[in-house]
Amino acid sequence: MNGLKLAAVPASLIELLWDDIAPFIDLVADKAPDDIVTSKVKENCMLGSIMPVIVYRGSNIVAVNILDVKTLDSGKKVLYIPIIGGAELDNWSEDFMKLATQIAKDFGCSELRGMAVRKGWMTKLKPLGWEEMFTTVRCKIGD
């Protein structure tokens, strides 16, 4: 994995690591400013309702993934990965999939779900077992 390691960050360490995590959340928030607000992500991480998984080499973070356990109306539990920001995806994606799958199982989830901000993500995700399920569209209505 080219010296890269993965670590789930507990709520108790968010304040300590936030200045290093925030720029990766900002990358995604910049593409979806109506959906993701970095300060709210921090708040939810500190509450423990969502959990970041960092990808790092030495003392440098290269990517951040946010995990969020959701119970659907049917009662089915899924592990959402709503935010993925950073670099070197090809070097850590398989190990992240293994970790996310184990975390999902630990929480009683039956599948992983995510939201791809850009269509190109499917090129990277398909070899890892992901399939397109929904496409989000919008129509702005003005004032």
Protein backbone atom coordinates (compact mmCIF):
# COMPACT_ATOMS: atom_id res chain seq x y z
CA MET A 1 0.00 0.00 0.00
CA ASN A 2 3.00 2.27 -0.57
CA GLY A 3 3.46 3.00 3.12
CA LEU A 4 -0.17 4.07 3.52
CA LYS A 5 -2.16 3.11 6.59
CA LEU A 6 -5.83 3.42 7.52
CA ALA A 7 -7.29 4.43 10.87
CA ALA A 8 -10.80 5.04 12.12
CA VAL A 9 -10.83 8.24 14.17
CA PRO A 10 -12.91 8.11 17.37
CA ALA A 11 -14.95 11.13 18.45
CA SER A 12 -12.47 11.80 21.27
CA LEU A 13 -9.70 12.59 18.76
CA ILE A 14 -11.65 14.77 16.32
CA GLU A 15 -10.67 18.08 17.93
CA LEU A 16 -6.99 17.09 17.92
CA LEU A 17 -6.96 16.01 14.24
CA TRP A 18 -9.57 18.32 12.75
CA ASP A 19 -7.17 20.86 11.24
CA ASP A 20 -5.63 17.99 9.24
CA ILE A 21 -9.00 16.40 8.34
CA ALA A 22 -10.94 19.55 7.38
CA PRO A 23 -9.17 20.30 4.07
CA PHE A 24 -10.27 16.89 2.74
CA ILE A 25 -13.87 17.54 3.75
CA ASP A 26 -13.62 20.96 2.11
CA LEU A 27 -12.65 19.29 -1.20
CA VAL A 28 -16.02 17.55 -1.27
CA ALA A 29 -18.00 20.42 0.26
CA ASP A 30 -16.74 22.69 -2.52
CA LYS A 31 -18.38 20.35 -5.05
CA ALA A 32 -21.61 19.95 -3.04
CA PRO A 33 -21.97 23.14 -0.95
CA ASP A 34 -25.70 22.69 -0.43
CA ASP A 35 -25.22 19.13 0.83
CA ILE A 36 -22.04 19.24 2.89
CA VAL A 37 -20.96 21.88 5.39
CA THR A 38 -17.56 21.21 6.90
CA SER A 39 -18.48 22.62 10.33
CA LYS A 40 -21.52 20.29 10.50
CA VAL A 41 -19.36 17.32 9.54
CA LYS A 42 -17.03 18.21 12.42
CA GLU A 43 -19.97 18.55 14.82
CA ASN A 44 -21.37 15.14 13.81
CA CYS A 45 -17.93 13.53 14.08
CA MET A 46 -17.53 14.94 17.59
CA LEU A 47 -20.99 13.60 18.52
CA GLY A 48 -19.97 10.18 17.22
CA SER A 49 -22.90 10.00 14.80
CA ILE A 50 -20.46 9.71 11.87
CA MET A 51 -16.86 8.53 11.84
CA PRO A 52 -13.89 9.54 9.72
CA VAL A 53 -11.41 7.00 8.45
CA ILE A 54 -8.11 8.60 7.55
CA VAL A 55 -5.58 7.33 5.06
CA TYR A 56 -2.11 8.44 6.06
CA ARG A 57 1.59 8.01 5.39
CA GLY A 58 3.79 8.88 8.34
CA SER A 59 2.29 12.01 9.85
CA ASN A 60 0.62 13.14 6.61
CA ILE A 61 -3.04 12.46 5.86
CA VAL A 62 -3.63 11.79 2.15
CA ALA A 63 -7.38 11.05 2.22
CA VAL A 64 -10.42 11.10 4.50
CA ASN A 65 -13.53 8.94 4.23
CA ILE A 66 -16.67 9.51 6.32
CA LEU A 67 -18.73 6.53 7.49
CA ASP A 68 -22.37 6.80 8.54
CA VAL A 69 -24.56 3.89 9.70
CA LYS A 70 -28.15 4.33 8.53
CA THR A 71 -31.24 2.28 9.25
CA LEU A 72 -33.59 2.40 6.28
CA ASP A 73 -37.37 2.53 6.63
CA SER A 74 -37.42 -1.22 5.95
CA GLY A 75 -35.21 -1.83 8.99
CA LYS A 76 -32.23 -2.76 6.81
CA LYS A 77 -28.95 -1.26 8.08
CA VAL A 78 -26.40 0.09 5.60
CA LEU A 79 -23.05 1.78 5.98
CA TYR A 80 -23.01 4.96 3.94
CA ILE A 81 -19.75 6.48 2.78
CA PRO A 82 -21.03 9.95 1.88
CA ILE A 83 -17.66 11.73 1.77
CA ILE A 84 -14.40 10.61 0.20
CA GLY A 85 -11.77 13.30 -0.26
CA GLY A 86 -8.10 13.06 -1.01
CA ALA A 87 -5.50 11.47 -3.23
CA GLU A 88 -3.95 8.15 -4.17
CA LEU A 89 -7.26 6.26 -4.31
CA ASP A 90 -5.70 3.46 -6.34
CA ASN A 91 -3.19 2.83 -3.53
CA TRP A 92 -5.69 2.44 -0.68
CA SER A 93 -9.15 1.66 -2.09
CA GLU A 94 -8.94 -2.14 -1.69
CA ASP A 95 -7.75 -1.90 1.92
CA PHE A 96 -10.41 0.70 2.65
CA MET A 97 -13.08 -1.61 1.21
CA LYS A 98 -11.94 -4.39 3.55
CA LEU A 99 -12.01 -2.06 6.55
CA ALA A 100 -15.39 -0.53 5.63
CA THR A 101 -16.85 -3.99 5.09
CA GLN A 102 -15.66 -5.12 8.52
CA ILE A 103 -16.98 -1.98 10.20
CA ALA A 104 -20.32 -2.47 8.41
CA LYS A 105 -20.53 -6.04 9.68
CA ASP A 106 -19.63 -4.89 13.21
CA PHE A 107 -22.63 -2.53 13.10
CA GLY A 108 -24.98 -5.16 11.65
CA CYS A 109 -25.12 -3.59 8.18
CA SER A 110 -25.86 -5.71 5.13
CA GLU A 111 -24.27 -3.46 2.51
CA LEU A 112 -22.17 -0.41 1.79
CA ARG A 113 -23.63 2.62 0.04
CA GLY A 114 -22.15 5.85 -1.19
CA MET A 115 -22.91 8.92 -3.20
CA ALA A 116 -20.62 9.62 -6.14
CA VAL A 117 -20.26 13.34 -6.70
CA ARG A 118 -18.97 12.78 -10.22
CA LYS A 119 -19.82 10.13 -12.80
CA GLY A 120 -16.10 9.25 -13.17
CA TRP A 121 -16.11 7.67 -9.69
CA MET A 122 -17.81 4.57 -11.12
CA THR A 123 -14.70 3.81 -13.16
CA LYS A 124 -12.78 3.40 -9.90
CA LEU A 125 -15.57 1.79 -7.88
CA LYS A 126 -16.89 -0.84 -10.30
CA PRO A 127 -13.81 -3.13 -9.98
CA LEU A 128 -14.35 -3.04 -6.20
CA GLY A 129 -17.87 -4.45 -6.54
CA TRP A 130 -19.89 -1.22 -6.60
CA GLU A 131 -22.82 -0.70 -8.94
CA GLU A 132 -24.84 2.37 -9.78
CA MET A 133 -28.14 2.29 -7.91
CA PHE A 134 -29.63 5.79 -8.13
CA THR A 135 -28.82 8.95 -10.02
CA THR A 136 -29.55 12.24 -8.32
CA VAL A 137 -30.82 15.03 -10.54
CA ARG A 138 -32.04 18.50 -9.67
CA CYS A 139 -33.97 21.36 -11.17
CA LYS A 140 -33.42 24.76 -9.57
CA ILE A 141 -36.66 26.73 -9.33
CA GLY A 142 -35.26 30.16 -8.50
CA ASP A 143 -36.81 32.60 -6.08
